[in-house]
Amino acid sequence: MVKERIAYRICPKCARAVPLESKETFCSNDGEKLLESCPSCQNPIISPYTRFCSNCGTELRSK
């Protein structure tokens, strides 16, 4: 049995995460556009707790 990976969108400002299938594109907390993937390498976000890209190390939160 292969478990399907869940991908997330994450807010670069407050780190709120929603499943990619939710269709939300903006954060309901602060209006920021949610990231679907790493802005540097386009790797999908596979953890709702991520702060850095697991592929290239780019920080996903804005300062």
PDB file of N, CA and C in Angstrom:
ATOM      1  N   MET A   1       0.839  -1.188   0.000  1.00  0.00           N
ATOM      2  CA  MET A   1       0.000   0.000   0.000  1.00  0.00           C
ATOM      3  C   MET A   1       0.879   1.244   0.000  1.00  0.00           C
ATOM      4  N   VAL A   2       0.692   2.110  -0.978  1.00  0.00           N
ATOM      5  CA  VAL A   2       1.447   3.350  -1.089  1.00  0.00           C
ATOM      6  C   VAL A   2       0.591   4.488  -0.544  1.00  0.00           C
ATOM      7  N   LYS A   3       1.114   5.192   0.436  1.00  0.00           N
ATOM      8  CA  LYS A   3       0.395   6.304   1.024  1.00  0.00           C
ATOM      9  C   LYS A   3       0.627   7.560   0.174  1.00  0.00           C
ATOM     10  N   GLU A   4      -0.456   8.215  -0.212  1.00  0.00           N
ATOM     11  CA  GLU A   4      -0.353   9.418  -1.024  1.00  0.00           C
ATOM     12  C   GLU A   4       0.134  10.584  -0.172  1.00  0.00           C
ATOM     13  N   ARG A   5       1.069  11.357  -0.701  1.00  0.00           N
ATOM     14  CA  ARG A   5       1.577  12.528  -0.005  1.00  0.00           C
ATOM     15  C   ARG A   5       0.562  13.659  -0.095  1.00  0.00           C
ATOM     16  N   ILE A   6       0.373  14.339   1.012  1.00  0.00           N
ATOM     17  CA  ILE A   6      -0.486  15.515   1.017  1.00  0.00           C
ATOM     18  C   ILE A   6       0.405  16.728   0.823  1.00  0.00           C
ATOM     19  N   ALA A   7       0.020  17.601  -0.072  1.00  0.00           N
ATOM     20  CA  ALA A   7       0.765  18.837  -0.295  1.00  0.00           C
ATOM     21  C   ALA A   7      -0.011  19.983   0.355  1.00  0.00           C
ATOM     22  N   TYR A   8       0.698  21.039   0.692  1.00  0.00           N
ATOM     23  CA  TYR A   8       0.105  22.170   1.405  1.00  0.00           C
ATOM     24  C   TYR A   8       0.418  23.489   0.719  1.00  0.00           C
ATOM     25  N   ARG A   9      -0.406  24.468   1.029  1.00  0.00           N
ATOM     26  CA  ARG A   9      -0.092  25.871   0.766  1.00  0.00           C
ATOM     27  C   ARG A   9       0.222  26.460   2.133  1.00  0.00           C
ATOM     28  N   ILE A  10       1.181  27.370   2.175  1.00  0.00           N
ATOM     29  CA  ILE A  10       1.580  27.952   3.451  1.00  0.00           C
ATOM     30  C   ILE A  10       1.707  29.467   3.310  1.00  0.00           C
ATOM     31  N   CYS A  11       1.287  30.171   4.363  1.00  0.00           N
ATOM     32  CA  CYS A  11       1.385  31.632   4.357  1.00  0.00           C
ATOM     33  C   CYS A  11       2.813  32.038   4.700  1.00  0.00           C
ATOM     34  N   PRO A  12       3.435  32.860   3.873  1.00  0.00           N
ATOM     35  CA  PRO A  12       4.811  33.277   4.151  1.00  0.00           C
ATOM     36  C   PRO A  12       4.906  34.263   5.324  1.00  0.00           C
ATOM     37  N   LYS A  13       3.765  34.812   5.757  1.00  0.00           N
ATOM     38  CA  LYS A  13       3.785  35.778   6.848  1.00  0.00           C
ATOM     39  C   LYS A  13       3.513  35.125   8.209  1.00  0.00           C
ATOM     40  N   CYS A  14       2.438  34.340   8.320  1.00  0.00           N
ATOM     41  CA  CYS A  14       2.054  33.781   9.618  1.00  0.00           C
ATOM     42  C   CYS A  14       2.226  32.271   9.714  1.00  0.00           C
ATOM     43  N   ALA A  15       2.597  31.615   8.622  1.00  0.00           N
ATOM     44  CA  ALA A  15       2.840  30.169   8.555  1.00  0.00           C
ATOM     45  C   ALA A  15       1.569  29.322   8.641  1.00  0.00           C
ATOM     46  N   ARG A  16       0.408  29.918   8.445  1.00  0.00           N
ATOM     47  CA  ARG A  16      -0.829  29.130   8.398  1.00  0.00           C
ATOM     48  C   ARG A  16      -0.755  28.209   7.196  1.00  0.00           C
ATOM     49  N   ALA A  17      -1.075  26.939   7.397  1.00  0.00           N
ATOM     50  CA  ALA A  17      -1.011  25.957   6.314  1.00  0.00           C
ATOM     51  C   ALA A  17      -2.395  25.389   6.040  1.00  0.00           C
ATOM     52  N   VAL A  18      -2.679  25.146   4.768  1.00  0.00           N
ATOM     53  CA  VAL A  18      -3.924  24.510   4.352  1.00  0.00           C
ATOM     54  C   VAL A  18      -3.580  23.453   3.303  1.00  0.00           C
ATOM     55  N   PRO A  19      -4.336  22.359   3.266  1.00  0.00           N
ATOM     56  CA  PRO A  19      -4.082  21.359   2.223  1.00  0.00           C
ATOM     57  C   PRO A  19      -4.266  21.978   0.836  1.00  0.00           C
ATOM     58  N   LEU A  20      -3.451  21.564  -0.102  1.00  0.00           N
ATOM     59  CA  LEU A  20      -3.511  22.076  -1.473  1.00  0.00           C
ATOM     60  C   LEU A  20      -4.900  21.904  -2.075  1.00  0.00           C
ATOM     61  N   GLU A  21      -5.580  20.833  -1.729  1.00  0.00           N
ATOM     62  CA  GLU A  21      -6.909  20.569  -2.271  1.00  0.00           C
ATOM     63  C   GLU A  21      -7.983  21.528  -1.759  1.00  0.00           C
ATOM     64  N   SER A  22      -7.669  22.382  -0.778  1.00  0.00           N
ATOM     65  CA  SER A  22      -8.662  23.299  -0.214  1.00  0.00           C
ATOM     66  C   SER A  22      -9.057  24.426  -1.173  1.00  0.00           C
ATOM     67  N   LYS A  23      -8.238  24.692  -2.177  1.00  0.00           N
ATOM     68  CA  LYS A  23      -8.475  25.743  -3.172  1.00  0.00           C
ATOM     69  C   LYS A  23      -8.303  27.164  -2.628  1.00  0.00           C
ATOM     70  N   GLU A  24      -7.944  27.324  -1.341  1.00  0.00           N
ATOM     71  CA  GLU A  24      -7.660  28.659  -0.807  1.00  0.00           C
ATOM     72  C   GLU A  24      -6.372  29.166  -1.450  1.00  0.00           C
ATOM     73  N   THR A  25      -6.342  30.435  -1.832  1.00  0.00           N
ATOM     74  CA  THR A  25      -5.127  30.994  -2.418  1.00  0.00           C
ATOM     75  C   THR A  25      -4.556  32.152  -1.600  1.00  0.00           C
ATOM     76  N   PHE A  26      -5.366  32.691  -0.689  1.00  0.00           N
ATOM     77  CA  PHE A  26      -4.912  33.779   0.176  1.00  0.00           C
ATOM     78  C   PHE A  26      -5.167  33.413   1.631  1.00  0.00           C
ATOM     79  N   CYS A  27      -4.296  33.858   2.517  1.00  0.00           N
ATOM     80  CA  CYS A  27      -4.408  33.570   3.939  1.00  0.00           C
ATOM     81  C   CYS A  27      -5.590  34.316   4.537  1.00  0.00           C
ATOM     82  N   SER A  28      -6.420  33.606   5.275  1.00  0.00           N
ATOM     83  CA  SER A  28      -7.567  34.244   5.917  1.00  0.00           C
ATOM     84  C   SER A  28      -7.156  35.040   7.148  1.00  0.00           C
ATOM     85  N   ASN A  29      -5.923  34.876   7.628  1.00  0.00           N
ATOM     86  CA  ASN A  29      -5.440  35.635   8.783  1.00  0.00           C
ATOM     87  C   ASN A  29      -4.930  37.018   8.404  1.00  0.00           C
ATOM     88  N   ASP A  30      -4.201  37.106   7.282  1.00  0.00           N
ATOM     89  CA  ASP A  30      -3.557  38.374   6.951  1.00  0.00           C
ATOM     90  C   ASP A  30      -3.598  38.755   5.476  1.00  0.00           C
ATOM     91  N   GLY A  31      -4.255  37.968   4.644  1.00  0.00           N
ATOM     92  CA  GLY A  31      -4.433  38.326   3.234  1.00  0.00           C
ATOM     93  C   GLY A  31      -3.255  38.047   2.320  1.00  0.00           C
ATOM     94  N   GLU A  32      -2.178  37.454   2.847  1.00  0.00           N
ATOM     95  CA  GLU A  32      -1.004  37.147   2.018  1.00  0.00           C
ATOM     96  C   GLU A  32      -1.324  36.018   1.041  1.00  0.00           C
ATOM     97  N   LYS A  33      -0.711  36.047  -0.137  1.00  0.00           N
ATOM     98  CA  LYS A  33      -0.854  34.955  -1.100  1.00  0.00           C
ATOM     99  C   LYS A  33      -0.119  33.735  -0.553  1.00  0.00           C
ATOM    100  N   LEU A  34      -0.792  32.590  -0.529  1.00  0.00           N
ATOM    101  CA  LEU A  34      -0.213  31.361  -0.009  1.00  0.00           C
ATOM    102  C   LEU A  34       0.778  30.764  -1.005  1.00  0.00           C
ATOM    103  N   LEU A  35       1.879  30.248  -0.492  1.00  0.00           N
ATOM    104  CA  LEU A  35       2.876  29.583  -1.332  1.00  0.00           C
ATOM    105  C   LEU A  35       2.448  28.143  -1.574  1.00  0.00           C
ATOM    106  N   GLU A  36       2.501  27.702  -2.813  1.00  0.00           N
ATOM    107  CA  GLU A  36       2.198  26.300  -3.156  1.00  0.00           C
ATOM    108  C   GLU A  36       3.468  25.469  -3.210  1.00  0.00           C
ATOM    109  N   SER A  37       4.586  26.136  -3.452  1.00  0.00           N
ATOM    110  CA  SER A  37       5.866  25.441  -3.576  1.00  0.00           C
ATOM    111  C   SER A  37       6.980  26.412  -3.205  1.00  0.00           C
ATOM    112  N   CYS A  38       8.171  25.891  -3.097  1.00  0.00           N
ATOM    113  CA  CYS A  38       9.335  26.722  -2.791  1.00  0.00           C
ATOM    114  C   CYS A  38       9.538  27.734  -3.919  1.00  0.00           C
ATOM    115  N   PRO A  39       9.691  29.010  -3.589  1.00  0.00           N
ATOM    116  CA  PRO A  39       9.906  30.012  -4.634  1.00  0.00           C
ATOM    117  C   PRO A  39      11.247  29.866  -5.359  1.00  0.00           C
ATOM    118  N   SER A  40      12.201  29.140  -4.754  1.00  0.00           N
ATOM    119  CA  SER A  40      13.509  28.973  -5.389  1.00  0.00           C
ATOM    120  C   SER A  40      13.594  27.749  -6.287  1.00  0.00           C
ATOM    121  N   CYS A  41      13.122  26.596  -5.790  1.00  0.00           N
ATOM    122  CA  CYS A  41      13.311  25.357  -6.550  1.00  0.00           C
ATOM    123  C   CYS A  41      12.002  24.694  -6.988  1.00  0.00           C
ATOM    124  N   GLN A  42      10.874  25.279  -6.606  1.00  0.00           N
ATOM    125  CA  GLN A  42       9.538  24.774  -6.973  1.00  0.00           C
ATOM    126  C   GLN A  42       9.188  23.425  -6.338  1.00  0.00           C
ATOM    127  N   ASN A  43       9.941  22.994  -5.330  1.00  0.00           N
ATOM    128  CA  ASN A  43       9.630  21.760  -4.624  1.00  0.00           C
ATOM    129  C   ASN A  43       8.305  21.939  -3.876  1.00  0.00           C
ATOM    130  N   PRO A  44       7.397  20.942  -3.918  1.00  0.00           N
ATOM    131  CA  PRO A  44       6.119  21.092  -3.212  1.00  0.00           C
ATOM    132  C   PRO A  44       6.320  21.141  -1.700  1.00  0.00           C
ATOM    133  N   ILE A  45       5.395  21.788  -1.014  1.00  0.00           N
ATOM    134  CA  ILE A  45       5.427  21.870   0.448  1.00  0.00           C
ATOM    135  C   ILE A  45       4.666  20.664   0.976  1.00  0.00           C
ATOM    136  N   ILE A  46       5.356  19.762   1.651  1.00  0.00           N
ATOM    137  CA  ILE A  46       4.733  18.511   2.073  1.00  0.00           C
ATOM    138  C   ILE A  46       4.523  18.408   3.583  1.00  0.00           C
ATOM    139  N   SER A  47       4.811  19.458   4.324  1.00  0.00           N
ATOM    140  CA  SER A  47       4.561  19.463   5.766  1.00  0.00           C
ATOM    141  C   SER A  47       3.886  20.779   6.144  1.00  0.00           C
ATOM    142  N   PRO A  48       2.842  20.728   6.960  1.00  0.00           N
ATOM    143  CA  PRO A  48       2.194  21.961   7.390  1.00  0.00           C
ATOM    144  C   PRO A  48       3.029  22.741   8.409  1.00  0.00           C
ATOM    145  N   TYR A  49       4.124  22.159   8.891  1.00  0.00           N
ATOM    146  CA  TYR A  49       4.976  22.788   9.906  1.00  0.00           C
ATOM    147  C   TYR A  49       6.290  23.314   9.346  1.00  0.00           C
ATOM    148  N   THR A  50       6.455  23.249   8.050  1.00  0.00           N
ATOM    149  CA  THR A  50       7.736  23.592   7.447  1.00  0.00           C
ATOM    150  C   THR A  50       8.053  25.083   7.560  1.00  0.00           C
ATOM    151  N   ARG A  51       9.321  25.369   7.731  1.00  0.00           N
ATOM    152  CA  ARG A  51       9.801  26.751   7.732  1.00  0.00           C
ATOM    153  C   ARG A  51      10.813  26.955   6.602  1.00  0.00           C
ATOM    154  N   PHE A  52      11.514  25.879   6.256  1.00  0.00           N
ATOM    155  CA  PHE A  52      12.516  25.904   5.199  1.00  0.00           C
ATOM    156  C   PHE A  52      12.203  24.817   4.186  1.00  0.00           C
ATOM    157  N   CYS A  53      12.569  25.040   2.943  1.00  0.00           N
ATOM    158  CA  CYS A  53      12.380  24.042   1.894  1.00  0.00           C
ATOM    159  C   CYS A  53      13.250  22.826   2.209  1.00  0.00           C
ATOM    160  N   SER A  54      12.646  21.647   2.149  1.00  0.00           N
ATOM    161  CA  SER A  54      13.399  20.421   2.431  1.00  0.00           C
ATOM    162  C   SER A  54      14.321  20.027   1.281  1.00  0.00           C
ATOM    163  N   ASN A  55      14.183  20.683   0.135  1.00  0.00           N
ATOM    164  CA  ASN A  55      15.026  20.371  -1.017  1.00  0.00           C
ATOM    165  C   ASN A  55      16.231  21.302  -1.134  1.00  0.00           C
ATOM    166  N   CYS A  56      16.015  22.612  -0.979  1.00  0.00           N
ATOM    167  CA  CYS A  56      17.126  23.564  -1.187  1.00  0.00           C
ATOM    168  C   CYS A  56      17.456  24.428   0.029  1.00  0.00           C
ATOM    169  N   GLY A  57      16.632  24.376   1.081  1.00  0.00           N
ATOM    170  CA  GLY A  57      16.930  25.123   2.309  1.00  0.00           C
ATOM    171  C   GLY A  57      16.435  26.564   2.332  1.00  0.00           C
ATOM    172  N   THR A  58      15.754  27.008   1.295  1.00  0.00           N
ATOM    173  CA  THR A  58      15.249  28.383   1.256  1.00  0.00           C
ATOM    174  C   THR A  58      14.214  28.593   2.345  1.00  0.00           C
ATOM    175  N   GLU A  59      14.304  29.711   3.068  1.00  0.00           N
ATOM    176  CA  GLU A  59      13.309  30.026   4.085  1.00  0.00           C
ATOM    177  C   GLU A  59      12.001  30.407   3.402  1.00  0.00           C
ATOM    178  N   LEU A  60      10.904  29.821   3.844  1.00  0.00           N
ATOM    179  CA  LEU A  60       9.605  30.047   3.214  1.00  0.00           C
ATOM    180  C   LEU A  60       8.817  31.177   3.876  1.00  0.00           C
ATOM    181  N   ARG A  61       9.255  31.640   5.017  1.00  0.00           N
ATOM    182  CA  ARG A  61       8.574  32.730   5.700  1.00  0.00           C
ATOM    183  C   ARG A  61       9.246  34.051   5.380  1.00  0.00           C
ATOM    184  N   SER A  62       8.429  35.060   5.142  1.00  0.00           N
ATOM    185  CA  SER A  62       8.979  36.395   4.902  1.00  0.00           C
ATOM    186  C   SER A  62       9.352  37.009   6.247  1.00  0.00           C
ATOM    187  N   LYS A  63      10.277  37.932   6.188  1.00  0.00           N
ATOM    188  CA  LYS A  63      10.750  38.542   7.439  1.00  0.00           C
ATOM    189  C   LYS A  63      10.093  39.862   7.690  1.00  0.00           C
TER     190      LYS A  63
END
